Every structure is written in C-alpha cells, then in structure tokens.
Amino acid sequence: MTLTAVLSLAAGTYLLRLAGLLLRDRFAMPERVQRYVDLGATALLVALVATAALTEDGGLAGWARPLGVAVGAVAAWRRAPFVLVVVIAAATTAGLRALGVP
C-alpha cells in the first residue's frame, strides 16, 4: 500500500470520528435506536474477542488459548485488576501448553 493511500485512510478515519463527536448533539436518536447501537458495539467486541481467542491461521487455535481466555473472563467477572486478569489468562494458557494441551 502506498503512503498516499495510508494517509488518505488515516485522514478519512479521523474525519469520521470527528464528525461523530461534532454532530452528536444535532441528531436525536430514539431511545430504542440508541439501545440497538449500544448492543451492536457490544456484539462487535464479543465477535472480535471470540475470533482472536478461538482461531489461528483460519482454523481452531486448540484448547489452551480458549481455556486461558475463559479463566481470564472469570477473573474479570470477579473484578480482579486488569493486569492480574492478563497474567492469569496467560499463565493458564502457558501451563496447559506445558502439559501438552494444544
């Protein structure tokens, strides 16, 4: 990709985000639509996490990584500090891989 294309995409992304901030007060969304927008953002985040946790090179990532993510999710749900959540998830995944779990 050329530098011109990268700069154009960066400028377009910045302008779209800026437009959202500047035009937010000019448009009144109904409460129902606002709820769906919030749910859509949550669904997108969950899809990204699931894709990163479950797949590798177009296939299943094995069992160690999803189990590590699940343990990290439980730690986050129990309101552990973020650094601890990451360390627990990584340690779980590493421990399972050390035991031979793919």
N, C-alpha and C. Protein backbone atom coordinates (compact mmCIF):
# COMPACT_ATOMS: atom_id res chain seq x y z
N MET A 1 0.86 -1.16 0.00
CA MET A 1 0.00 0.00 0.00
C MET A 1 0.91 1.23 0.00
N THR A 2 0.57 2.19 -0.79
CA THR A 2 1.41 3.38 -0.88
C THR A 2 1.16 4.32 0.28
N LEU A 3 2.08 5.22 0.46
CA LEU A 3 1.97 6.19 1.55
C LEU A 3 0.74 7.07 1.37
N THR A 4 0.43 7.41 0.13
CA THR A 4 -0.76 8.24 -0.14
C THR A 4 -2.03 7.54 0.32
N ALA A 5 -2.13 6.25 0.03
CA ALA A 5 -3.32 5.50 0.44
C ALA A 5 -3.41 5.43 1.96
N VAL A 6 -2.31 5.18 2.62
CA VAL A 6 -2.31 5.09 4.08
C VAL A 6 -2.72 6.43 4.69
N LEU A 7 -2.15 7.51 4.20
CA LEU A 7 -2.50 8.84 4.73
C LEU A 7 -3.96 9.19 4.44
N SER A 8 -4.46 8.81 3.27
CA SER A 8 -5.87 9.07 2.94
C SER A 8 -6.80 8.31 3.86
N LEU A 9 -6.50 7.04 4.11
CA LEU A 9 -7.33 6.25 5.01
C LEU A 9 -7.25 6.78 6.44
N ALA A 10 -6.08 7.20 6.87
CA ALA A 10 -5.94 7.77 8.21
C ALA A 10 -6.75 9.05 8.35
N ALA A 11 -6.67 9.92 7.34
CA ALA A 11 -7.44 11.17 7.39
C ALA A 11 -8.93 10.89 7.37
N GLY A 12 -9.37 9.95 6.54
CA GLY A 12 -10.79 9.61 6.49
C GLY A 12 -11.29 9.06 7.81
N THR A 13 -10.51 8.19 8.44
CA THR A 13 -10.90 7.64 9.74
C THR A 13 -11.00 8.74 10.78
N TYR A 14 -10.01 9.63 10.79
CA TYR A 14 -10.02 10.73 11.76
C TYR A 14 -11.24 11.62 11.54
N LEU A 15 -11.54 11.96 10.28
CA LEU A 15 -12.68 12.83 9.99
C LEU A 15 -14.01 12.18 10.35
N LEU A 16 -14.14 10.87 10.14
CA LEU A 16 -15.38 10.19 10.53
C LEU A 16 -15.56 10.21 12.04
N ARG A 17 -14.49 9.99 12.77
CA ARG A 17 -14.59 10.04 14.24
C ARG A 17 -14.89 11.46 14.72
N LEU A 18 -14.26 12.44 14.11
CA LEU A 18 -14.51 13.82 14.47
C LEU A 18 -15.95 14.22 14.16
N ALA A 19 -16.46 13.77 13.02
CA ALA A 19 -17.84 14.09 12.66
C ALA A 19 -18.81 13.52 13.69
N GLY A 20 -18.52 12.32 14.20
CA GLY A 20 -19.38 11.74 15.23
C GLY A 20 -19.42 12.59 16.48
N LEU A 21 -18.29 13.13 16.86
CA LEU A 21 -18.25 13.99 18.04
C LEU A 21 -18.95 15.32 17.81
N LEU A 22 -18.73 15.90 16.64
CA LEU A 22 -19.29 17.22 16.37
C LEU A 22 -20.79 17.19 16.08
N LEU A 23 -21.27 16.12 15.50
CA LEU A 23 -22.68 16.06 15.10
C LEU A 23 -23.57 15.33 16.10
N ARG A 24 -23.00 14.85 17.18
CA ARG A 24 -23.77 14.06 18.14
C ARG A 24 -24.97 14.83 18.68
N ASP A 25 -24.81 16.11 18.98
CA ASP A 25 -25.89 16.88 19.59
C ASP A 25 -26.91 17.37 18.56
N ARG A 26 -26.61 17.26 17.28
CA ARG A 26 -27.53 17.75 16.25
C ARG A 26 -28.59 16.74 15.87
N PHE A 27 -28.35 15.47 16.16
CA PHE A 27 -29.30 14.43 15.81
C PHE A 27 -29.80 13.77 17.08
N ALA A 28 -31.10 13.62 17.16
CA ALA A 28 -31.71 12.96 18.31
C ALA A 28 -32.15 11.57 17.88
N MET A 29 -31.50 10.56 18.42
CA MET A 29 -31.90 9.20 18.12
C MET A 29 -32.94 8.76 19.13
N PRO A 30 -33.93 8.04 18.66
CA PRO A 30 -34.89 7.49 19.62
C PRO A 30 -34.19 6.54 20.59
N GLU A 31 -34.76 6.38 21.76
CA GLU A 31 -34.15 5.53 22.80
C GLU A 31 -33.96 4.10 22.30
N ARG A 32 -34.90 3.60 21.53
CA ARG A 32 -34.81 2.23 21.01
C ARG A 32 -33.62 2.09 20.06
N VAL A 33 -33.41 3.06 19.20
CA VAL A 33 -32.28 3.02 18.27
C VAL A 33 -30.97 3.12 19.05
N GLN A 34 -30.91 3.97 20.04
CA GLN A 34 -29.71 4.11 20.86
C GLN A 34 -29.36 2.81 21.55
N ARG A 35 -30.38 2.09 22.01
CA ARG A 35 -30.15 0.80 22.66
C ARG A 35 -29.55 -0.20 21.68
N TYR A 36 -30.06 -0.20 20.43
CA TYR A 36 -29.53 -1.12 19.42
C TYR A 36 -28.10 -0.74 19.02
N VAL A 37 -27.79 0.52 18.99
CA VAL A 37 -26.42 0.95 18.69
C VAL A 37 -25.47 0.45 19.78
N ASP A 38 -25.87 0.59 21.03
CA ASP A 38 -25.06 0.09 22.14
C ASP A 38 -24.89 -1.43 22.08
N LEU A 39 -25.97 -2.14 21.77
CA LEU A 39 -25.89 -3.59 21.65
C LEU A 39 -25.01 -4.00 20.48
N GLY A 40 -25.05 -3.24 19.40
CA GLY A 40 -24.21 -3.54 18.24
C GLY A 40 -22.73 -3.41 18.56
N ALA A 41 -22.38 -2.39 19.32
CA ALA A 41 -20.98 -2.22 19.73
C ALA A 41 -20.54 -3.36 20.62
N THR A 42 -21.40 -3.80 21.51
CA THR A 42 -21.07 -4.93 22.38
C THR A 42 -20.92 -6.21 21.57
N ALA A 43 -21.81 -6.44 20.63
CA ALA A 43 -21.72 -7.64 19.79
C ALA A 43 -20.44 -7.64 18.96
N LEU A 44 -20.05 -6.49 18.46
CA LEU A 44 -18.81 -6.40 17.68
C LEU A 44 -17.61 -6.73 18.55
N LEU A 45 -17.57 -6.22 19.76
CA LEU A 45 -16.46 -6.51 20.67
C LEU A 45 -16.40 -8.00 21.01
N VAL A 46 -17.54 -8.61 21.27
CA VAL A 46 -17.58 -10.04 21.58
C VAL A 46 -17.12 -10.86 20.37
N ALA A 47 -17.51 -10.47 19.17
CA ALA A 47 -17.08 -11.18 17.97
C ALA A 47 -15.58 -11.08 17.77
N LEU A 48 -15.01 -9.92 18.03
CA LEU A 48 -13.56 -9.76 17.91
C LEU A 48 -12.81 -10.62 18.93
N VAL A 49 -13.29 -10.65 20.16
CA VAL A 49 -12.65 -11.46 21.19
C VAL A 49 -12.77 -12.94 20.85
N ALA A 50 -13.94 -13.36 20.41
CA ALA A 50 -14.13 -14.77 20.06
C ALA A 50 -13.24 -15.18 18.90
N THR A 51 -13.14 -14.34 17.89
CA THR A 51 -12.28 -14.66 16.75
C THR A 51 -10.82 -14.75 17.17
N ALA A 52 -10.37 -13.83 17.99
CA ALA A 52 -8.98 -13.85 18.43
C ALA A 52 -8.70 -15.03 19.36
N ALA A 53 -9.68 -15.41 20.16
CA ALA A 53 -9.47 -16.47 21.14
C ALA A 53 -9.59 -17.87 20.54
N LEU A 54 -10.41 -18.02 19.53
CA LEU A 54 -10.71 -19.37 19.05
C LEU A 54 -10.02 -19.76 17.76
N THR A 55 -9.52 -18.83 16.99
CA THR A 55 -8.96 -19.17 15.68
C THR A 55 -7.50 -18.77 15.56
N GLU A 56 -6.81 -19.52 14.71
CA GLU A 56 -5.42 -19.23 14.38
C GLU A 56 -5.17 -19.78 12.98
N ASP A 57 -4.73 -18.94 12.08
CA ASP A 57 -4.46 -19.33 10.69
C ASP A 57 -5.66 -19.99 10.02
N GLY A 58 -6.85 -19.49 10.29
CA GLY A 58 -8.05 -19.98 9.64
C GLY A 58 -8.63 -21.25 10.24
N GLY A 59 -8.07 -21.75 11.32
CA GLY A 59 -8.58 -22.96 11.95
C GLY A 59 -8.69 -22.79 13.45
N LEU A 60 -9.07 -23.87 14.12
CA LEU A 60 -9.20 -23.83 15.57
C LEU A 60 -7.83 -23.63 16.21
N ALA A 61 -7.76 -22.79 17.20
CA ALA A 61 -6.49 -22.46 17.86
C ALA A 61 -6.06 -23.51 18.86
N GLY A 62 -6.80 -24.56 19.02
CA GLY A 62 -6.51 -25.55 20.05
C GLY A 62 -7.36 -25.27 21.27
N TRP A 63 -7.04 -25.93 22.37
CA TRP A 63 -7.86 -25.77 23.57
C TRP A 63 -7.22 -24.90 24.63
N ALA A 64 -5.91 -24.75 24.59
CA ALA A 64 -5.23 -24.00 25.65
C ALA A 64 -5.62 -22.52 25.63
N ARG A 65 -5.63 -21.91 24.45
CA ARG A 65 -5.94 -20.48 24.38
C ARG A 65 -7.38 -20.18 24.79
N PRO A 66 -8.40 -20.89 24.25
CA PRO A 66 -9.77 -20.59 24.70
C PRO A 66 -9.97 -20.82 26.20
N LEU A 67 -9.32 -21.84 26.75
CA LEU A 67 -9.45 -22.07 28.20
C LEU A 67 -8.78 -20.96 28.99
N GLY A 68 -7.64 -20.47 28.50
CA GLY A 68 -6.99 -19.33 29.16
C GLY A 68 -7.85 -18.09 29.12
N VAL A 69 -8.49 -17.86 27.97
CA VAL A 69 -9.39 -16.71 27.86
C VAL A 69 -10.59 -16.87 28.79
N ALA A 70 -11.11 -18.09 28.90
CA ALA A 70 -12.24 -18.33 29.79
C ALA A 70 -11.86 -18.08 31.25
N VAL A 71 -10.67 -18.53 31.65
CA VAL A 71 -10.22 -18.29 33.02
C VAL A 71 -10.03 -16.79 33.25
N GLY A 72 -9.49 -16.09 32.25
CA GLY A 72 -9.34 -14.64 32.36
C GLY A 72 -10.69 -13.94 32.45
N ALA A 73 -11.67 -14.45 31.71
CA ALA A 73 -13.01 -13.86 31.76
C ALA A 73 -13.63 -14.04 33.15
N VAL A 74 -13.42 -15.19 33.74
CA VAL A 74 -13.94 -15.42 35.10
C VAL A 74 -13.25 -14.47 36.08
N ALA A 75 -11.94 -14.30 35.92
CA ALA A 75 -11.22 -13.37 36.81
C ALA A 75 -11.73 -11.94 36.63
N ALA A 76 -12.00 -11.55 35.38
CA ALA A 76 -12.54 -10.20 35.14
C ALA A 76 -13.94 -10.07 35.72
N TRP A 77 -14.73 -11.12 35.60
CA TRP A 77 -16.08 -11.11 36.15
C TRP A 77 -16.05 -10.99 37.67
N ARG A 78 -15.02 -11.58 38.28
CA ARG A 78 -14.86 -11.48 39.74
C ARG A 78 -14.19 -10.17 40.14
N ARG A 79 -14.00 -9.28 39.18
CA ARG A 79 -13.47 -7.93 39.37
C ARG A 79 -12.01 -7.90 39.83
N ALA A 80 -11.23 -8.80 39.25
CA ALA A 80 -9.79 -8.78 39.51
C ALA A 80 -9.18 -7.60 38.74
N PRO A 81 -8.07 -7.05 39.19
CA PRO A 81 -7.42 -5.97 38.44
C PRO A 81 -7.01 -6.46 37.05
N PHE A 82 -7.02 -5.55 36.08
CA PHE A 82 -6.79 -5.92 34.68
C PHE A 82 -5.46 -6.63 34.49
N VAL A 83 -4.41 -6.14 35.12
CA VAL A 83 -3.09 -6.77 34.97
C VAL A 83 -3.14 -8.20 35.47
N LEU A 84 -3.82 -8.43 36.58
CA LEU A 84 -3.95 -9.77 37.11
C LEU A 84 -4.76 -10.67 36.18
N VAL A 85 -5.79 -10.13 35.57
CA VAL A 85 -6.58 -10.90 34.60
C VAL A 85 -5.71 -11.38 33.46
N VAL A 86 -4.88 -10.48 32.92
CA VAL A 86 -4.00 -10.84 31.80
C VAL A 86 -2.98 -11.88 32.23
N VAL A 87 -2.40 -11.71 33.41
CA VAL A 87 -1.40 -12.66 33.90
C VAL A 87 -2.04 -14.03 34.15
N ILE A 88 -3.21 -14.06 34.73
CA ILE A 88 -3.89 -15.34 34.99
C ILE A 88 -4.22 -16.05 33.68
N ALA A 89 -4.74 -15.30 32.71
CA ALA A 89 -5.07 -15.91 31.42
C ALA A 89 -3.83 -16.44 30.72
N ALA A 90 -2.75 -15.66 30.71
CA ALA A 90 -1.52 -16.09 30.06
C ALA A 90 -0.91 -17.28 30.79
N ALA A 91 -0.93 -17.27 32.11
CA ALA A 91 -0.36 -18.37 32.88
C ALA A 91 -1.17 -19.66 32.66
N THR A 92 -2.48 -19.54 32.59
CA THR A 92 -3.31 -20.71 32.32
C THR A 92 -2.99 -21.30 30.96
N THR A 93 -2.92 -20.45 29.95
CA THR A 93 -2.61 -20.92 28.60
C THR A 93 -1.22 -21.55 28.56
N ALA A 94 -0.24 -20.90 29.16
CA ALA A 94 1.12 -21.43 29.16
C ALA A 94 1.19 -22.75 29.93
N GLY A 95 0.52 -22.83 31.04
CA GLY A 95 0.52 -24.06 31.82
C GLY A 95 -0.11 -25.22 31.06
N LEU A 96 -1.22 -24.95 30.39
CA LEU A 96 -1.87 -26.02 29.61
C LEU A 96 -0.99 -26.46 28.44
N ARG A 97 -0.32 -25.50 27.80
CA ARG A 97 0.58 -25.87 26.71
C ARG A 97 1.78 -26.64 27.23
N ALA A 98 2.27 -26.32 28.42
CA ALA A 98 3.38 -27.06 29.01
C ALA A 98 2.96 -28.50 29.33
N LEU A 99 1.68 -28.69 29.63
CA LEU A 99 1.17 -30.03 29.90
C LEU A 99 0.85 -30.82 28.62
N GLY A 100 1.02 -30.16 27.46
CA GLY A 100 0.78 -30.84 26.19
C GLY A 100 -0.58 -30.61 25.57
N VAL A 101 -1.38 -29.74 26.17
CA VAL A 101 -2.69 -29.42 25.58
C VAL A 101 -2.44 -28.48 24.40
N PRO A 102 -2.96 -28.84 23.22
CA PRO A 102 -2.69 -27.97 22.05
C PRO A 102 -3.37 -26.62 22.13
